[in-house]
Amino acid sequence: QTVSAHFVLYFLSVDLQEVEVTEGSDSVLLPCRTSSLLPEDSSVEWTQSEPRSMFIYVFPNTSKHYSQQDRLYRDRTEMSKDFLRTGDVSLTLRNPRDGDSGRYVCTVHRDPDVLRHTVVLKYVKKVSAGGLSPQVKVDSGVKFVLLPCRTRVYLPGGARVEWRDGENRTVHVYQKGSDDPEGQNLTNRTRMNDDPLKTGDLSLTLERPSAADSGIYTCRVRKRVILMIKRVHLQVKGQ
């Protein structure tokens, strides 16, 4: 008698993703998701493969596993407690540092399957106000100015895009497929392109710029934690 066994494969959603984090960020999310629920006996390992081979995080996290975890990452990593149900095995890395840049591998063990997903983390250092890039200069009286913010980083659906000025006031918000005017400081003068999370073009158009609009603007993407931050220096010359 022949007995056939059928196994369901739990494929990861993307083979490789790139994530940027800016100096000074509280945390960064290394995304990794499976397409289905995970059984109770599943285990997850996060390791760094480049530039060094290091053990970052494991679930179940026993005392033995904790002792094997590289000291540079102890008490700086965590996963969602509900990952077996949601399939979200993303890793939150707190207090990211310059030395955290590199290639990370998420390995999901689901007997008999072993699934792997790679995340490339890039740590971006801050620059002085005089050296901000890009720097945008326009004359007062132009119809509009574009504050560029583009990325190749994977941005999950439902993420929130926030543009803020140098005084941390909200300039523009995009979430759940539409612009949200609530609490915006420059209401009716800002707009973003359609579907920015999908295209990676988070640039902001500011209409009728004046000298009072000059300053540093921050484009921030968050979903539970900050996923990306970029800054633009706008200089509007008075007439």
Protein backbone atom coordinates (compact mmCIF):
# COMPACT_ATOMS: atom_id res chain seq x y z
CA GLN A 1 0.00 0.00 0.00
CA THR A 2 1.32 3.41 -0.96
CA VAL A 3 0.91 6.28 1.46
CA SER A 4 1.17 9.77 0.00
CA ALA A 5 1.91 12.83 2.09
CA HIS A 6 1.00 16.34 1.09
CA PHE A 7 2.90 19.29 2.52
CA VAL A 8 1.92 22.93 2.21
CA LEU A 9 4.83 25.24 1.41
CA TYR A 10 4.87 28.63 3.12
CA PHE A 11 6.60 30.90 0.66
CA LEU A 12 8.06 34.20 1.78
CA SER A 13 6.54 37.20 0.03
CA VAL A 14 9.76 38.72 -1.41
CA ASP A 15 13.20 37.16 -1.99
CA LEU A 16 15.27 40.25 -1.17
CA GLN A 17 14.44 43.66 0.23
CA GLU A 18 16.45 46.79 0.90
CA VAL A 19 15.89 48.93 3.99
CA GLU A 20 17.42 52.30 4.83
CA VAL A 21 17.67 53.74 8.33
CA THR A 22 18.92 57.21 9.21
CA GLU A 23 21.29 58.00 12.05
CA GLY A 24 19.35 58.92 15.19
CA SER A 25 16.36 56.65 14.48
CA ASP A 26 14.90 54.82 17.49
CA SER A 27 14.47 51.56 15.59
CA VAL A 28 14.25 49.94 12.17
CA LEU A 29 12.08 47.08 10.91
CA LEU A 30 13.68 44.26 8.92
CA PRO A 31 10.64 42.93 7.02
CA CYS A 32 9.96 39.23 6.56
CA ARG A 33 6.55 37.63 6.03
CA THR A 34 5.21 34.21 5.15
CA SER A 35 2.16 33.75 2.98
CA SER A 36 0.32 31.50 5.45
CA LEU A 37 -0.10 30.70 9.11
CA LEU A 38 2.77 28.88 10.79
CA PRO A 39 2.34 25.70 12.88
CA GLU A 40 3.18 25.71 16.58
CA ASP A 41 6.48 23.84 16.13
CA SER A 42 7.91 26.43 13.72
CA SER A 43 11.14 28.22 14.57
CA VAL A 44 12.68 31.43 13.21
CA GLU A 45 16.33 32.48 13.01
CA TRP A 46 17.76 35.87 12.09
CA THR A 47 21.45 35.98 11.19
CA GLN A 48 23.82 38.44 9.57
CA SER A 49 25.76 37.01 6.62
CA GLU A 50 27.66 40.14 5.49
CA PRO A 51 29.98 41.81 6.34
CA ARG A 52 30.31 39.31 9.21
CA SER A 53 28.59 36.07 10.09
CA MET A 54 26.66 36.64 13.32
CA PHE A 55 23.73 35.13 15.21
CA ILE A 56 21.11 37.87 15.73
CA TYR A 57 17.84 36.39 17.04
CA VAL A 58 15.98 33.10 17.33
CA PHE A 59 12.54 31.92 18.35
CA PRO A 60 11.99 30.05 20.62
CA ASN A 61 14.51 32.18 22.52
CA THR A 62 15.88 29.81 25.18
CA SER A 63 18.73 30.59 27.56
CA LYS A 64 21.04 28.57 25.30
CA HIS A 65 20.06 30.62 22.27
CA TYR A 66 20.46 33.86 24.24
CA SER A 67 24.04 32.93 25.13
CA GLN A 68 24.76 32.29 21.44
CA GLN A 69 23.36 35.66 20.36
CA ASP A 70 26.05 38.15 19.40
CA ARG A 71 26.57 40.68 22.18
CA LEU A 72 26.16 43.58 19.75
CA TYR A 73 22.49 42.63 19.30
CA ARG A 74 21.48 41.51 22.78
CA ASP A 75 18.47 43.40 24.14
CA ARG A 76 18.13 45.29 20.82
CA THR A 77 15.95 42.85 18.88
CA GLU A 78 12.38 41.61 19.09
CA MET A 79 9.67 39.95 17.00
CA SER A 80 5.90 40.18 17.14
CA LYS A 81 4.48 37.80 19.74
CA ASP A 82 1.64 36.95 17.35
CA PHE A 83 3.80 35.84 14.42
CA LEU A 84 2.51 32.23 14.32
CA ARG A 85 -0.98 33.52 13.51
CA THR A 86 -0.04 36.44 11.26
CA GLY A 87 2.99 34.96 9.49
CA ASP A 88 4.83 38.24 10.15
CA VAL A 89 8.33 37.27 11.30
CA SER A 90 9.82 40.75 10.80
CA LEU A 91 12.55 41.77 13.23
CA THR A 92 12.65 45.11 15.04
CA LEU A 93 16.19 46.35 15.65
CA ARG A 94 16.38 49.10 18.27
CA ASN A 95 18.98 51.88 18.39
CA PRO A 96 20.46 51.12 14.94
CA ARG A 97 24.16 51.90 14.50
CA ASP A 98 26.60 52.39 11.66
CA GLY A 99 27.97 48.88 12.20
CA ASP A 100 24.50 47.36 11.65
CA SER A 101 24.70 47.87 7.88
CA GLY A 102 24.85 44.58 6.02
CA ARG A 103 22.96 41.57 4.74
CA TYR A 104 20.54 39.82 7.10
CA VAL A 105 18.93 36.42 6.54
CA CYS A 106 15.59 35.36 8.00
CA THR A 107 15.26 31.56 8.13
CA VAL A 108 11.93 29.92 8.92
CA HIS A 109 12.00 26.23 9.90
CA ARG A 110 8.70 24.51 9.27
CA ASP A 111 9.27 20.76 9.13
CA PRO A 112 10.09 19.61 6.50
CA ASP A 113 10.53 23.02 4.84
CA VAL A 114 13.33 25.54 5.35
CA LEU A 115 12.57 28.99 3.93
CA ARG A 116 14.98 31.91 3.64
CA HIS A 117 14.56 35.61 3.00
CA THR A 118 17.28 38.27 2.73
CA VAL A 119 17.17 41.90 3.87
CA VAL A 120 19.92 44.41 3.06
CA LEU A 121 20.15 47.16 5.69
CA LYS A 122 21.81 50.47 4.84
CA TYR A 123 22.66 52.89 7.64
CA VAL A 124 22.61 56.53 6.47
CA LYS A 125 24.56 59.07 8.51
CA LYS A 126 23.20 62.54 9.10
CA VAL A 127 24.92 65.46 7.46
CA SER A 128 25.24 69.05 8.59
CA ALA A 129 22.62 71.59 7.56
CA GLY A 130 25.06 73.14 5.11
CA GLY A 131 25.62 69.82 3.39
CA LEU A 132 22.11 68.44 3.16
CA SER A 133 21.39 66.58 -0.03
CA PRO A 134 19.39 67.28 -1.99
CA GLN A 135 19.19 71.05 -1.61
CA VAL A 136 16.40 72.79 -3.50
CA LYS A 137 16.60 76.50 -4.39
CA VAL A 138 13.76 78.46 -6.02
CA ASP A 139 12.70 82.07 -6.39
CA SER A 140 9.69 83.39 -4.54
CA GLY A 141 6.77 83.73 -6.92
CA VAL A 142 7.12 80.39 -8.74
CA LYS A 143 3.94 78.34 -8.99
CA PHE A 144 5.32 75.30 -7.17
CA VAL A 145 8.47 73.50 -6.00
CA LEU A 146 9.16 69.76 -5.74
CA LEU A 147 10.79 68.39 -2.57
CA PRO A 148 12.32 65.11 -3.81
CA CYS A 149 12.11 61.91 -1.80
CA ARG A 150 12.53 58.63 -3.67
CA THR A 151 13.51 55.20 -2.46
CA ARG A 152 13.96 51.63 -3.65
CA VAL A 153 13.25 50.36 -0.15
CA TYR A 154 10.26 48.02 0.22
CA LEU A 155 7.36 49.94 1.82
CA PRO A 156 4.49 47.81 3.18
CA GLY A 157 0.88 48.65 2.47
CA GLY A 158 -0.76 50.67 5.20
CA ALA A 159 2.44 52.54 6.03
CA ARG A 160 2.07 56.22 6.91
CA VAL A 161 4.06 58.89 5.06
CA GLU A 162 4.67 62.12 6.97
CA TRP A 163 6.30 65.31 5.77
CA ARG A 164 7.34 67.68 8.58
CA ASP A 165 9.06 71.07 8.63
CA GLY A 166 12.07 72.15 10.68
CA GLU A 167 9.86 72.89 13.70
CA ASN A 168 8.42 69.35 13.54
CA ARG A 169 5.03 70.61 12.37
CA THR A 170 3.06 68.29 10.10
CA VAL A 171 3.16 69.50 6.51
CA HIS A 172 1.53 66.58 4.70
CA VAL A 173 0.29 63.07 5.55
CA TYR A 174 -0.46 60.14 3.24
CA GLN A 175 -2.05 56.94 4.55
CA LYS A 176 -4.43 54.22 3.40
CA GLY A 177 -4.47 55.30 -0.22
CA SER A 178 -5.27 58.99 0.27
CA ASP A 179 -3.93 62.29 1.53
CA ASP A 180 -5.02 63.20 5.05
CA PRO A 181 -5.41 66.96 5.57
CA GLU A 182 -6.03 66.66 9.32
CA GLY A 183 -3.48 68.59 11.33
CA GLN A 184 -1.47 69.70 8.32
CA ASN A 185 0.28 73.04 8.59
CA LEU A 186 0.26 73.87 4.85
CA THR A 187 -3.24 72.65 3.99
CA ASN A 188 -4.28 73.15 0.34
CA ARG A 189 -0.70 73.89 -0.77
CA THR A 190 0.79 70.38 -0.76
CA ARG A 191 0.20 67.20 -2.72
CA MET A 192 1.86 63.86 -3.43
CA ASN A 193 1.75 61.57 -6.46
CA ASP A 194 -0.70 58.68 -6.64
CA ASP A 195 0.26 55.38 -4.99
CA PRO A 196 3.61 56.58 -3.54
CA LEU A 197 4.15 53.44 -1.42
CA LYS A 198 4.08 51.28 -4.55
CA THR A 199 6.18 53.54 -6.78
CA GLY A 200 8.65 54.60 -4.08
CA ASP A 201 8.23 58.26 -5.13
CA LEU A 202 7.32 60.08 -1.92
CA SER A 203 8.18 63.53 -3.28
CA LEU A 204 6.09 66.47 -2.09
CA THR A 205 4.84 69.30 -4.29
CA LEU A 206 4.55 72.63 -2.46
CA GLU A 207 2.52 75.28 -4.27
CA ARG A 208 3.19 79.03 -4.12
CA PRO A 209 6.37 78.77 -2.02
CA SER A 210 7.49 81.89 -0.16
CA ALA A 211 10.61 82.84 1.81
CA ALA A 212 8.78 81.81 4.99
CA ASP A 213 8.72 78.22 3.68
CA SER A 214 12.53 77.98 3.64
CA GLY A 215 14.05 75.36 5.92
CA ILE A 216 14.63 71.65 6.41
CA TYR A 217 11.81 69.24 5.54
CA THR A 218 11.73 65.62 6.67
CA CYS A 219 10.03 62.77 4.82
CA ARG A 220 9.30 59.92 7.24
CA VAL A 221 7.65 56.55 6.63
CA ARG A 222 6.38 54.53 9.57
CA LYS A 223 4.38 51.42 10.34
CA ARG A 224 4.68 50.64 14.05
CA VAL A 225 8.30 51.75 13.75
CA ILE A 226 10.13 54.20 11.49
CA LEU A 227 11.00 52.52 8.19
CA MET A 228 12.73 55.39 6.42
CA ILE A 229 13.75 59.03 6.93
CA LYS A 230 15.05 61.49 4.34
CA ARG A 231 15.62 65.23 4.57
CA VAL A 232 15.50 68.07 2.05
CA HIS A 233 16.77 71.63 2.48
CA LEU A 234 14.50 74.18 0.79
CA GLN A 235 15.69 77.72 0.12
CA VAL A 236 13.17 80.20 -1.28
CA LYS A 237 14.74 83.49 -2.34
CA GLY A 238 12.66 86.59 -1.65
CA GLN A 239 11.73 88.97 -4.44
